[in-house]
Amino acid sequence: QRELVGTIFIDDDTDYVDSVKGRFTISRDNAKKTVYLQMNS
């Protein structure tokens, strides 16, 4: 099933599923209307 990996909230706080914590980072550029997922390791 599709699963949630992480969230970026309105205040730019973030939360992640345990399996990706410390490896994945979500960010956003509101001007570009783009959300990013940086995936390391």
PDB file of all heavy atoms in Angstrom:
ATOM      1  N   GLN A   1       0.834  -1.192   0.000  1.00  0.00           N
ATOM      2  CA  GLN A   1       0.000   0.000   0.000  1.00  0.00           C
ATOM      3  C   GLN A   1       0.874   1.250   0.000  1.00  0.00           C
ATOM      4  O   GLN A   1       2.030   1.231   0.446  1.00  0.00           O
ATOM      5  CB  GLN A   1      -0.912   0.002   1.231  1.00  0.00           C
ATOM      6  CG  GLN A   1      -2.029  -1.026   1.173  1.00  0.00           C
ATOM      7  CD  GLN A   1      -3.037  -0.853   2.291  1.00  0.00           C
ATOM      8  OE1 GLN A   1      -2.692  -0.399   3.380  1.00  0.00           O
ATOM      9  NE2 GLN A   1      -4.277  -1.194   2.021  1.00  0.00           N
ATOM     10  N   ARG A   2       0.297   2.319  -0.488  1.00  0.00           N
ATOM     11  CA  ARG A   2       0.987   3.598  -0.444  1.00  0.00           C
ATOM     12  C   ARG A   2       1.155   4.017   1.015  1.00  0.00           C
ATOM     13  O   ARG A   2       0.224   3.889   1.813  1.00  0.00           O
ATOM     14  CB  ARG A   2       0.189   4.642  -1.206  1.00  0.00           C
ATOM     15  CG  ARG A   2       0.869   5.987  -1.376  1.00  0.00           C
ATOM     16  CD  ARG A   2       0.016   6.883  -2.250  1.00  0.00           C
ATOM     17  NE  ARG A   2      -0.013   6.394  -3.624  1.00  0.00           N
ATOM     18  CZ  ARG A   2      -0.948   6.746  -4.499  1.00  0.00           C
ATOM     19  NH1 ARG A   2      -1.924   7.568  -4.145  1.00  0.00           N
ATOM     20  NH2 ARG A   2      -0.916   6.280  -5.729  1.00  0.00           N
ATOM     21  N   GLU A   3       2.343   4.511   1.349  1.00  0.00           N
ATOM     22  CA  GLU A   3       2.600   4.931   2.715  1.00  0.00           C
ATOM     23  C   GLU A   3       3.140   6.352   2.746  1.00  0.00           C
ATOM     24  O   GLU A   3       3.803   6.807   1.811  1.00  0.00           O
ATOM     25  CB  GLU A   3       3.612   4.003   3.413  1.00  0.00           C
ATOM     26  CG  GLU A   3       5.011   4.038   2.825  1.00  0.00           C
ATOM     27  CD  GLU A   3       6.050   3.339   3.695  1.00  0.00           C
ATOM     28  OE1 GLU A   3       5.777   3.068   4.881  1.00  0.00           O
ATOM     29  OE2 GLU A   3       7.153   3.083   3.171  1.00  0.00           O
ATOM     30  N   LEU A   4       2.845   7.027   3.843  1.00  0.00           N
ATOM     31  CA  LEU A   4       3.378   8.372   4.049  1.00  0.00           C
ATOM     32  C   LEU A   4       4.836   8.268   4.476  1.00  0.00           C
ATOM     33  O   LEU A   4       5.153   7.548   5.418  1.00  0.00           O
ATOM     34  CB  LEU A   4       2.552   9.092   5.111  1.00  0.00           C
ATOM     35  CG  LEU A   4       3.028  10.480   5.526  1.00  0.00           C
ATOM     36  CD1 LEU A   4       2.866  11.472   4.396  1.00  0.00           C
ATOM     37  CD2 LEU A   4       2.264  10.958   6.762  1.00  0.00           C
ATOM     38  N   VAL A   5       5.690   8.991   3.805  1.00  0.00           N
ATOM     39  CA  VAL A   5       7.112   9.006   4.132  1.00  0.00           C
ATOM     40  C   VAL A   5       7.439  10.164   5.076  1.00  0.00           C
ATOM     41  O   VAL A   5       8.185   9.997   6.036  1.00  0.00           O
ATOM     42  CB  VAL A   5       7.952   9.125   2.846  1.00  0.00           C
ATOM     43  CG1 VAL A   5       9.423   9.314   3.179  1.00  0.00           C
ATOM     44  CG2 VAL A   5       7.747   7.909   1.966  1.00  0.00           C
ATOM     45  N   GLY A   6       6.894  11.302   4.782  1.00  0.00           N
ATOM     46  CA  GLY A   6       7.163  12.474   5.614  1.00  0.00           C
ATOM     47  C   GLY A   6       6.257  13.622   5.254  1.00  0.00           C
ATOM     48  O   GLY A   6       5.601  13.608   4.208  1.00  0.00           O
ATOM     49  N   THR A   7       6.234  14.615   6.127  1.00  0.00           N
ATOM     50  CA  THR A   7       5.351  15.764   5.990  1.00  0.00           C
ATOM     51  C   THR A   7       6.122  17.039   6.258  1.00  0.00           C
ATOM     52  O   THR A   7       6.976  17.071   7.153  1.00  0.00           O
ATOM     53  CB  THR A   7       4.201  15.679   7.005  1.00  0.00           C
ATOM     54  OG1 THR A   7       3.498  14.448   6.826  1.00  0.00           O
ATOM     55  CG2 THR A   7       3.228  16.841   6.839  1.00  0.00           C
ATOM     56  N   ILE A   8       5.804  18.079   5.499  1.00  0.00           N
ATOM     57  CA  ILE A   8       6.266  19.415   5.835  1.00  0.00           C
ATOM     58  C   ILE A   8       5.018  20.234   6.133  1.00  0.00           C
ATOM     59  O   ILE A   8       4.104  20.326   5.314  1.00  0.00           O
ATOM     60  CB  ILE A   8       7.143  20.043   4.742  1.00  0.00           C
ATOM     61  CG1 ILE A   8       7.660  21.406   5.206  1.00  0.00           C
ATOM     62  CG2 ILE A   8       6.441  20.132   3.397  1.00  0.00           C
ATOM     63  CD1 ILE A   8       8.830  21.935   4.371  1.00  0.00           C
ATOM     64  N   PHE A   9       4.989  20.792   7.326  1.00  0.00           N
ATOM     65  CA  PHE A   9       3.812  21.515   7.782  1.00  0.00           C
ATOM     66  C   PHE A   9       3.874  22.975   7.348  1.00  0.00           C
ATOM     67  O   PHE A   9       4.876  23.443   6.800  1.00  0.00           O
ATOM     68  CB  PHE A   9       3.688  21.379   9.301  1.00  0.00           C
ATOM     69  CG  PHE A   9       3.484  19.960   9.748  1.00  0.00           C
ATOM     70  CD1 PHE A   9       4.561  19.176  10.132  1.00  0.00           C
ATOM     71  CD2 PHE A   9       2.219  19.388   9.745  1.00  0.00           C
ATOM     72  CE1 PHE A   9       4.379  17.857  10.522  1.00  0.00           C
ATOM     73  CE2 PHE A   9       2.027  18.083  10.125  1.00  0.00           C
ATOM     74  CZ  PHE A   9       3.109  17.306  10.517  1.00  0.00           C
ATOM     75  N   ILE A  10       2.788  23.685   7.624  1.00  0.00           N
ATOM     76  CA  ILE A  10       2.678  25.076   7.188  1.00  0.00           C
ATOM     77  C   ILE A  10       3.810  25.926   7.773  1.00  0.00           C
ATOM     78  O   ILE A  10       4.319  26.840   7.122  1.00  0.00           O
ATOM     79  CB  ILE A  10       1.305  25.642   7.567  1.00  0.00           C
ATOM     80  CG1 ILE A  10       0.201  24.922   6.778  1.00  0.00           C
ATOM     81  CG2 ILE A  10       1.235  27.139   7.286  1.00  0.00           C
ATOM     82  CD1 ILE A  10      -1.199  25.311   7.198  1.00  0.00           C
ATOM     83  N   ASP A  11       4.232  25.604   8.995  1.00  0.00           N
ATOM     84  CA  ASP A  11       5.312  26.359   9.629  1.00  0.00           C
ATOM     85  C   ASP A  11       6.694  25.823   9.261  1.00  0.00           C
ATOM     86  O   ASP A  11       7.689  26.205   9.865  1.00  0.00           O
ATOM     87  CB  ASP A  11       5.137  26.352  11.145  1.00  0.00           C
ATOM     88  CG  ASP A  11       5.195  24.952  11.745  1.00  0.00           C
ATOM     89  OD1 ASP A  11       5.317  23.992  10.973  1.00  0.00           O
ATOM     90  OD2 ASP A  11       5.099  24.838  12.975  1.00  0.00           O
ATOM     91  N   ASP A  12       6.730  24.918   8.288  1.00  0.00           N
ATOM     92  CA  ASP A  12       7.952  24.290   7.794  1.00  0.00           C
ATOM     93  C   ASP A  12       8.557  23.276   8.764  1.00  0.00           C
ATOM     94  O   ASP A  12       9.668  22.788   8.533  1.00  0.00           O
ATOM     95  CB  ASP A  12       9.000  25.318   7.383  1.00  0.00           C
ATOM     96  CG  ASP A  12       8.660  25.974   6.052  1.00  0.00           C
ATOM     97  OD1 ASP A  12       7.764  25.455   5.333  1.00  0.00           O
ATOM     98  OD2 ASP A  12       9.244  27.022   5.734  1.00  0.00           O
ATOM     99  N   ASP A  13       7.852  22.980   9.825  1.00  0.00           N
ATOM    100  CA  ASP A  13       8.257  21.845  10.645  1.00  0.00           C
ATOM    101  C   ASP A  13       8.078  20.583   9.818  1.00  0.00           C
ATOM    102  O   ASP A  13       7.258  20.555   8.884  1.00  0.00           O
ATOM    103  CB  ASP A  13       7.407  21.781  11.909  1.00  0.00           C
ATOM    104  CG  ASP A  13       7.981  20.827  12.945  1.00  0.00           C
ATOM    105  OD1 ASP A  13       9.145  20.406  12.791  1.00  0.00           O
ATOM    106  OD2 ASP A  13       7.260  20.496  13.907  1.00  0.00           O
ATOM    107  N   THR A  14       8.851  19.560  10.140  1.00  0.00           N
ATOM    108  CA  THR A  14       8.776  18.327   9.365  1.00  0.00           C
ATOM    109  C   THR A  14       8.634  17.122  10.286  1.00  0.00           C
ATOM    110  O   THR A  14       8.982  17.174  11.476  1.00  0.00           O
ATOM    111  CB  THR A  14      10.025  18.138   8.495  1.00  0.00           C
ATOM    112  OG1 THR A  14      11.199  18.220   9.308  1.00  0.00           O
ATOM    113  CG2 THR A  14      10.098  19.181   7.399  1.00  0.00           C
ATOM    114  N   ASP A  15       8.132  16.060   9.716  1.00  0.00           N
ATOM    115  CA  ASP A  15       7.986  14.797  10.439  1.00  0.00           C
ATOM    116  C   ASP A  15       8.201  13.667   9.445  1.00  0.00           C
ATOM    117  O   ASP A  15       7.852  13.807   8.262  1.00  0.00           O
ATOM    118  CB  ASP A  15       6.599  14.703  11.073  1.00  0.00           C
ATOM    119  CG  ASP A  15       6.488  13.515  12.006  1.00  0.00           C
ATOM    120  OD1 ASP A  15       7.497  13.166  12.650  1.00  0.00           O
ATOM    121  OD2 ASP A  15       5.387  12.929  12.077  1.00  0.00           O
ATOM    122  N   TYR A  16       8.746  12.560   9.916  1.00  0.00           N
ATOM    123  CA  TYR A  16       9.101  11.459   9.033  1.00  0.00           C
ATOM    124  C   TYR A  16       8.736  10.121   9.652  1.00  0.00           C
ATOM    125  O   TYR A  16       8.716   9.970  10.888  1.00  0.00           O
ATOM    126  CB  TYR A  16      10.610  11.467   8.752  1.00  0.00           C
ATOM    127  CG  TYR A  16      11.099  12.770   8.173  1.00  0.00           C
ATOM    128  CD1 TYR A  16      11.584  13.775   8.997  1.00  0.00           C
ATOM    129  CD2 TYR A  16      11.065  13.006   6.799  1.00  0.00           C
ATOM    130  CE1 TYR A  16      12.018  14.987   8.484  1.00  0.00           C
ATOM    131  CE2 TYR A  16      11.495  14.211   6.274  1.00  0.00           C
ATOM    132  CZ  TYR A  16      11.966  15.194   7.127  1.00  0.00           C
ATOM    133  OH  TYR A  16      12.388  16.390   6.606  1.00  0.00           O
ATOM    134  N   VAL A  17       8.491   9.163   8.790  1.00  0.00           N
ATOM    135  CA  VAL A  17       8.317   7.801   9.272  1.00  0.00           C
ATOM    136  C   VAL A  17       9.666   7.318   9.798  1.00  0.00           C
ATOM    137  O   VAL A  17      10.733   7.759   9.339  1.00  0.00           O
ATOM    138  CB  VAL A  17       7.800   6.913   8.116  1.00  0.00           C
ATOM    139  CG1 VAL A  17       8.837   6.754   7.022  1.00  0.00           C
ATOM    140  CG2 VAL A  17       7.317   5.592   8.627  1.00  0.00           C
ATOM    141  N   ASP A  18       9.632   6.434  10.782  1.00  0.00           N
ATOM    142  CA  ASP A  18      10.872   6.024  11.457  1.00  0.00           C
ATOM    143  C   ASP A  18      11.910   5.463  10.497  1.00  0.00           C
ATOM    144  O   ASP A  18      13.115   5.669  10.684  1.00  0.00           O
ATOM    145  CB  ASP A  18      10.562   4.978  12.525  1.00  0.00           C
ATOM    146  CG  ASP A  18       9.918   5.581  13.763  1.00  0.00           C
ATOM    147  OD1 ASP A  18       9.939   6.819  13.916  1.00  0.00           O
ATOM    148  OD2 ASP A  18       9.385   4.807  14.581  1.00  0.00           O
ATOM    149  N   SER A  19      11.458   4.775   9.466  1.00  0.00           N
ATOM    150  CA  SER A  19      12.404   4.104   8.570  1.00  0.00           C
ATOM    151  C   SER A  19      13.262   5.069   7.758  1.00  0.00           C
ATOM    152  O   SER A  19      14.281   4.653   7.190  1.00  0.00           O
ATOM    153  CB  SER A  19      11.642   3.172   7.627  1.00  0.00           C
ATOM    154  OG  SER A  19      10.716   3.889   6.852  1.00  0.00           O
ATOM    155  N   VAL A  20      12.883   6.344   7.683  1.00  0.00           N
ATOM    156  CA  VAL A  20      13.673   7.295   6.898  1.00  0.00           C
ATOM    157  C   VAL A  20      14.239   8.427   7.742  1.00  0.00           C
ATOM    158  O   VAL A  20      14.967   9.271   7.223  1.00  0.00           O
ATOM    159  CB  VAL A  20      12.849   7.887   5.730  1.00  0.00           C
ATOM    160  CG1 VAL A  20      12.227   6.770   4.896  1.00  0.00           C
ATOM    161  CG2 VAL A  20      11.793   8.859   6.214  1.00  0.00           C
ATOM    162  N   LYS A  21      13.924   8.451   9.006  1.00  0.00           N
ATOM    163  CA  LYS A  21      14.424   9.524   9.868  1.00  0.00           C
ATOM    164  C   LYS A  21      15.947   9.562   9.847  1.00  0.00           C
ATOM    165  O   LYS A  21      16.606   8.536   9.942  1.00  0.00           O
ATOM    166  CB  LYS A  21      13.923   9.330  11.303  1.00  0.00           C
ATOM    167  CG  LYS A  21      12.511   9.802  11.525  1.00  0.00           C
ATOM    168  CD  LYS A  21      12.096   9.623  12.986  1.00  0.00           C
ATOM    169  CE  LYS A  21      10.665  10.102  13.203  1.00  0.00           C
ATOM    170  NZ  LYS A  21      10.210   9.875  14.595  1.00  0.00           N
ATOM    171  N   GLY A  22      16.478  10.774   9.730  1.00  0.00           N
ATOM    172  CA  GLY A  22      17.921  10.947   9.672  1.00  0.00           C
ATOM    173  C   GLY A  22      18.508  10.755   8.289  1.00  0.00           C
ATOM    174  O   GLY A  22      19.681  11.064   8.060  1.00  0.00           O
ATOM    175  N   ARG A  23      17.712  10.262   7.343  1.00  0.00           N
ATOM    176  CA  ARG A  23      18.194  10.052   5.976  1.00  0.00           C
ATOM    177  C   ARG A  23      17.471  10.936   4.967  1.00  0.00           C
ATOM    178  O   ARG A  23      18.072  11.362   3.987  1.00  0.00           O
ATOM    179  CB  ARG A  23      18.014   8.582   5.573  1.00  0.00           C
ATOM    180  CG  ARG A  23      18.756   7.602   6.454  1.00  0.00           C
ATOM    181  CD  ARG A  23      18.716   6.194   5.869  1.00  0.00           C
ATOM    182  NE  ARG A  23      17.373   5.652   5.763  1.00  0.00           N
ATOM    183  CZ  ARG A  23      16.813   5.255   4.623  1.00  0.00           C
ATOM    184  NH1 ARG A  23      17.473   5.348   3.483  1.00  0.00           N
ATOM    185  NH2 ARG A  23      15.578   4.750   4.624  1.00  0.00           N
ATOM    186  N   PHE A  24      16.199  11.183   5.185  1.00  0.00           N
ATOM    187  CA  PHE A  24      15.378  11.956   4.248  1.00  0.00           C
ATOM    188  C   PHE A  24      15.067  13.322   4.835  1.00  0.00           C
ATOM    189  O   PHE A  24      14.867  13.450   6.053  1.00  0.00           O
ATOM    190  CB  PHE A  24      14.067  11.243   3.954  1.00  0.00           C
ATOM    191  CG  PHE A  24      14.175   9.995   3.116  1.00  0.00           C
ATOM    192  CD1 PHE A  24      15.390   9.391   2.846  1.00  0.00           C
ATOM    193  CD2 PHE A  24      13.025   9.420   2.578  1.00  0.00           C
ATOM    194  CE1 PHE A  24      15.473   8.246   2.082  1.00  0.00           C
ATOM    195  CE2 PHE A  24      13.091   8.274   1.803  1.00  0.00           C
ATOM    196  CZ  PHE A  24      14.324   7.688   1.561  1.00  0.00           C
ATOM    197  N   THR A  25      14.996  14.312   3.962  1.00  0.00           N
ATOM    198  CA  THR A  25      14.664  15.670   4.375  1.00  0.00           C
ATOM    199  C   THR A  25      13.697  16.282   3.371  1.00  0.00           C
ATOM    200  O   THR A  25      13.962  16.256   2.157  1.00  0.00           O
ATOM    201  CB  THR A  25      15.913  16.557   4.467  1.00  0.00           C
ATOM    202  OG1 THR A  25      16.856  15.966   5.357  1.00  0.00           O
ATOM    203  CG2 THR A  25      15.547  17.946   4.960  1.00  0.00           C
ATOM    204  N   ILE A  26      12.601  16.816   3.889  1.00  0.00           N
ATOM    205  CA  ILE A  26      11.620  17.498   3.043  1.00  0.00           C
ATOM    206  C   ILE A  26      11.809  19.005   3.192  1.00  0.00           C
ATOM    207  O   ILE A  26      12.008  19.513   4.296  1.00  0.00           O
ATOM    208  CB  ILE A  26      10.185  17.123   3.440  1.00  0.00           C
ATOM    209  CG1 ILE A  26       9.949  15.629   3.250  1.00  0.00           C
ATOM    210  CG2 ILE A  26       9.173  17.908   2.599  1.00  0.00           C
ATOM    211  CD1 ILE A  26       8.574  15.163   3.724  1.00  0.00           C
ATOM    212  N   SER A  27      11.716  19.687   2.072  1.00  0.00           N
ATOM    213  CA  SER A  27      11.762  21.146   2.085  1.00  0.00           C
ATOM    214  C   SER A  27      10.814  21.651   1.007  1.00  0.00           C
ATOM    215  O   SER A  27      10.278  20.869   0.215  1.00  0.00           O
ATOM    216  CB  SER A  27      13.179  21.659   1.832  1.00  0.00           C
ATOM    217  OG  SER A  27      13.659  21.222   0.581  1.00  0.00           O
ATOM    218  N   ARG A  28      10.608  22.951   1.006  1.00  0.00           N
ATOM    219  CA  ARG A  28       9.734  23.503  -0.019  1.00  0.00           C
ATOM    220  C   ARG A  28      10.204  24.894  -0.419  1.00  0.00           C
ATOM    221  O   ARG A  28      10.832  25.602   0.356  1.00  0.00           O
ATOM    222  CB  ARG A  28       8.290  23.569   0.463  1.00  0.00           C
ATOM    223  CG  ARG A  28       8.032  24.561   1.583  1.00  0.00           C
ATOM    224  CD  ARG A  28       6.538  24.805   1.700  1.00  0.00           C
ATOM    225  NE  ARG A  28       5.966  24.207   2.886  1.00  0.00           N
ATOM    226  CZ  ARG A  28       4.678  23.928   3.013  1.00  0.00           C
ATOM    227  NH1 ARG A  28       3.841  24.151   2.017  1.00  0.00           N
ATOM    228  NH2 ARG A  28       4.221  23.408   4.115  1.00  0.00           N
ATOM    229  N   ASP A  29       9.885  25.230  -1.666  1.00  0.00           N
ATOM    230  CA  ASP A  29      10.102  26.573  -2.184  1.00  0.00           C
ATOM    231  C   ASP A  29       8.737  27.085  -2.613  1.00  0.00           C
ATOM    232  O   ASP A  29       8.230  26.704  -3.677  1.00  0.00           O
ATOM    233  CB  ASP A  29      11.086  26.540  -3.354  1.00  0.00           C
ATOM    234  CG  ASP A  29      11.445  27.924  -3.863  1.00  0.00           C
ATOM    235  OD1 ASP A  29      10.583  28.826  -3.817  1.00  0.00           O
ATOM    236  OD2 ASP A  29      12.566  28.111  -4.331  1.00  0.00           O
ATOM    237  N   ASN A  30       8.144  27.907  -1.773  1.00  0.00           N
ATOM    238  CA  ASN A  30       6.772  28.344  -2.048  1.00  0.00           C
ATOM    239  C   ASN A  30       6.689  29.173  -3.330  1.00  0.00           C
ATOM    240  O   ASN A  30       5.696  29.080  -4.065  1.00  0.00           O
ATOM    241  CB  ASN A  30       6.236  29.144  -0.872  1.00  0.00           C
ATOM    242  CG  ASN A  30       6.030  28.285   0.355  1.00  0.00           C
ATOM    243  OD1 ASN A  30       5.724  27.099   0.249  1.00  0.00           O
ATOM    244  ND2 ASN A  30       6.202  28.869   1.530  1.00  0.00           N
ATOM    245  N   ALA A  31       7.703  29.961  -3.604  1.00  0.00           N
ATOM    246  CA  ALA A  31       7.682  30.788  -4.814  1.00  0.00           C
ATOM    247  C   ALA A  31       7.681  29.915  -6.068  1.00  0.00           C
ATOM    248  O   ALA A  31       7.044  30.260  -7.070  1.00  0.00           O
ATOM    249  CB  ALA A  31       8.863  31.732  -4.825  1.00  0.00           C
ATOM    250  N   LYS A  32       8.381  28.811  -6.009  1.00  0.00           N
ATOM    251  CA  LYS A  32       8.429  27.890  -7.148  1.00  0.00           C
ATOM    252  C   LYS A  32       7.333  26.850  -7.094  1.00  0.00           C
ATOM    253  O   LYS A  32       7.243  25.998  -7.979  1.00  0.00           O
ATOM    254  CB  LYS A  32       9.798  27.202  -7.203  1.00  0.00           C
ATOM    255  CG  LYS A  32      10.952  28.135  -7.496  1.00  0.00           C
ATOM    256  CD  LYS A  32      12.260  27.372  -7.591  1.00  0.00           C
ATOM    257  CE  LYS A  32      13.415  28.309  -7.941  1.00  0.00           C
ATOM    258  NZ  LYS A  32      14.712  27.569  -8.032  1.00  0.00           N
ATOM    259  N   LYS A  33       6.531  26.887  -6.040  1.00  0.00           N
ATOM    260  CA  LYS A  33       5.454  25.893  -5.853  1.00  0.00           C
ATOM    261  C   LYS A  33       6.011  24.478  -5.953  1.00  0.00           C
ATOM    262  O   LYS A  33       5.426  23.608  -6.600  1.00  0.00           O
ATOM    263  CB  LYS A  33       4.343  26.111  -6.878  1.00  0.00           C
ATOM    264  CG  LYS A  33       3.617  27.440  -6.722  1.00  0.00           C
ATOM    265  CD  LYS A  33       2.433  27.523  -7.663  1.00  0.00           C
ATOM    266  CE  LYS A  33       1.641  28.792  -7.476  1.00  0.00           C
ATOM    267  NZ  LYS A  33       0.448  28.841  -8.349  1.00  0.00           N
ATOM    268  N   THR A  34       7.131  24.266  -5.320  1.00  0.00           N
ATOM    269  CA  THR A  34       7.811  22.983  -5.415  1.00  0.00           C
ATOM    270  C   THR A  34       8.169  22.469  -4.029  1.00  0.00           C
ATOM    271  O   THR A  34       8.639  23.226  -3.176  1.00  0.00           O
ATOM    272  CB  THR A  34       9.074  23.111  -6.273  1.00  0.00           C
ATOM    273  OG1 THR A  34       8.701  23.566  -7.582  1.00  0.00           O
ATOM    274  CG2 THR A  34       9.794  21.780  -6.387  1.00  0.00           C
ATOM    275  N   VAL A  35       7.939  21.191  -3.849  1.00  0.00           N
ATOM    276  CA  VAL A  35       8.308  20.493  -2.627  1.00  0.00           C
ATOM    277  C   VAL A  35       9.408  19.503  -2.988  1.00  0.00           C
ATOM    278  O   VAL A  35       9.335  18.844  -4.029  1.00  0.00           O
ATOM    279  CB  VAL A  35       7.100  19.754  -2.024  1.00  0.00           C
ATOM    280  CG1 VAL A  35       7.473  19.114  -0.692  1.00  0.00           C
ATOM    281  CG2 VAL A  35       5.919  20.703  -1.844  1.00  0.00           C
ATOM    282  N   TYR A  36      10.406  19.403  -2.119  1.00  0.00           N
ATOM    283  CA  TYR A  36      11.552  18.546  -2.390  1.00  0.00           C
ATOM    284  C   TYR A  36      11.644  17.424  -1.361  1.00  0.00           C
ATOM    285  O   TYR A  36      11.217  17.577  -0.212  1.00  0.00           O
ATOM    286  CB  TYR A  36      12.847  19.366  -2.344  1.00  0.00           C
ATOM    287  CG  TYR A  36      12.879  20.514  -3.316  1.00  0.00           C
ATOM    288  CD1 TYR A  36      12.577  21.815  -2.902  1.00  0.00           C
ATOM    289  CD2 TYR A  36      13.205  20.308  -4.646  1.00  0.00           C
ATOM    290  CE1 TYR A  36      12.607  22.873  -3.793  1.00  0.00           C
ATOM    291  CE2 TYR A  36      13.239  21.364  -5.552  1.00  0.00           C
ATOM    292  CZ  TYR A  36      12.922  22.644  -5.113  1.00  0.00           C
ATOM    293  OH  TYR A  36      12.945  23.689  -6.003  1.00  0.00           O
ATOM    294  N   LEU A  37      12.246  16.326  -1.801  1.00  0.00           N
ATOM    295  CA  LEU A  37      12.572  15.227  -0.897  1.00  0.00           C
ATOM    296  C   LEU A  37      14.030  14.852  -1.160  1.00  0.00           C
ATOM    297  O   LEU A  37      14.342  14.266  -2.193  1.00  0.00           O
ATOM    298  CB  LEU A  37      11.656  14.020  -1.117  1.00  0.00           C
ATOM    299  CG  LEU A  37      11.948  12.827  -0.213  1.00  0.00           C
ATOM    300  CD1 LEU A  37      11.672  13.167   1.249  1.00  0.00           C
ATOM    301  CD2 LEU A  37      11.092  11.624  -0.641  1.00  0.00           C
ATOM    302  N   GLN A  38      14.887  15.235  -0.234  1.00  0.00           N
ATOM    303  CA  GLN A  38      16.290  14.854  -0.314  1.00  0.00           C
ATOM    304  C   GLN A  38      16.451  13.511   0.373  1.00  0.00           C
ATOM    305  O   GLN A  38      16.113  13.367   1.551  1.00  0.00           O
ATOM    306  CB  GLN A  38      17.167  15.907   0.370  1.00  0.00           C
ATOM    307  CG  GLN A  38      18.637  15.561   0.394  1.00  0.00           C
ATOM    308  CD  GLN A  38      19.275  15.560  -0.982  1.00  0.00           C
ATOM    309  OE1 GLN A  38      19.027  16.452  -1.782  1.00  0.00           O
ATOM    310  NE2 GLN A  38      20.092  14.559  -1.258  1.00  0.00           N
ATOM    311  N   MET A  39      16.947  12.548  -0.371  1.00  0.00           N
ATOM    312  CA  MET A  39      17.086  11.189   0.143  1.00  0.00           C
ATOM    313  C   MET A  39      18.556  10.812   0.147  1.00  0.00           C
ATOM    314  O   MET A  39      19.188  10.749  -0.915  1.00  0.00           O
ATOM    315  CB  MET A  39      16.292  10.212  -0.730  1.00  0.00           C
ATOM    316  CG  MET A  39      14.822  10.590  -0.874  1.00  0.00           C
ATOM    317  SD  MET A  39      13.861   9.323  -1.740  1.00  0.00           S
ATOM    318  CE  MET A  39      14.624   9.381  -3.352  1.00  0.00           C
ATOM    319  N   ASN A  40      19.088  10.589   1.319  1.00  0.00           N
ATOM    320  CA  ASN A  40      20.485  10.194   1.474  1.00  0.00           C
ATOM    321  C   ASN A  40      20.574   8.771   2.006  1.00  0.00           C
ATOM    322  O   ASN A  40      19.602   8.231   2.542  1.00  0.00           O
ATOM    323  CB  ASN A  40      21.187  11.146   2.441  1.00  0.00           C
ATOM    324  CG  ASN A  40      21.208  12.576   1.942  1.00  0.00           C
ATOM    325  OD1 ASN A  40      21.238  12.830   0.733  1.00  0.00           O
ATOM    326  ND2 ASN A  40      21.164  13.532   2.856  1.00  0.00           N
ATOM    327  N   SER A  41      21.747   8.179   1.846  1.00  0.00           N
ATOM    328  CA  SER A  41      21.983   6.830   2.364  1.00  0.00           C
ATOM    329  C   SER A  41      20.864   5.879   1.958  1.00  0.00           C
ATOM    330  O   SER A  41      20.298   5.151   2.785  1.00  0.00           O
ATOM    331  CB  SER A  41      22.112   6.865   3.892  1.00  0.00           C
ATOM    332  OG  SER A  41      23.152   7.728   4.296  1.00  0.00           O
TER     333      SER A  41
END
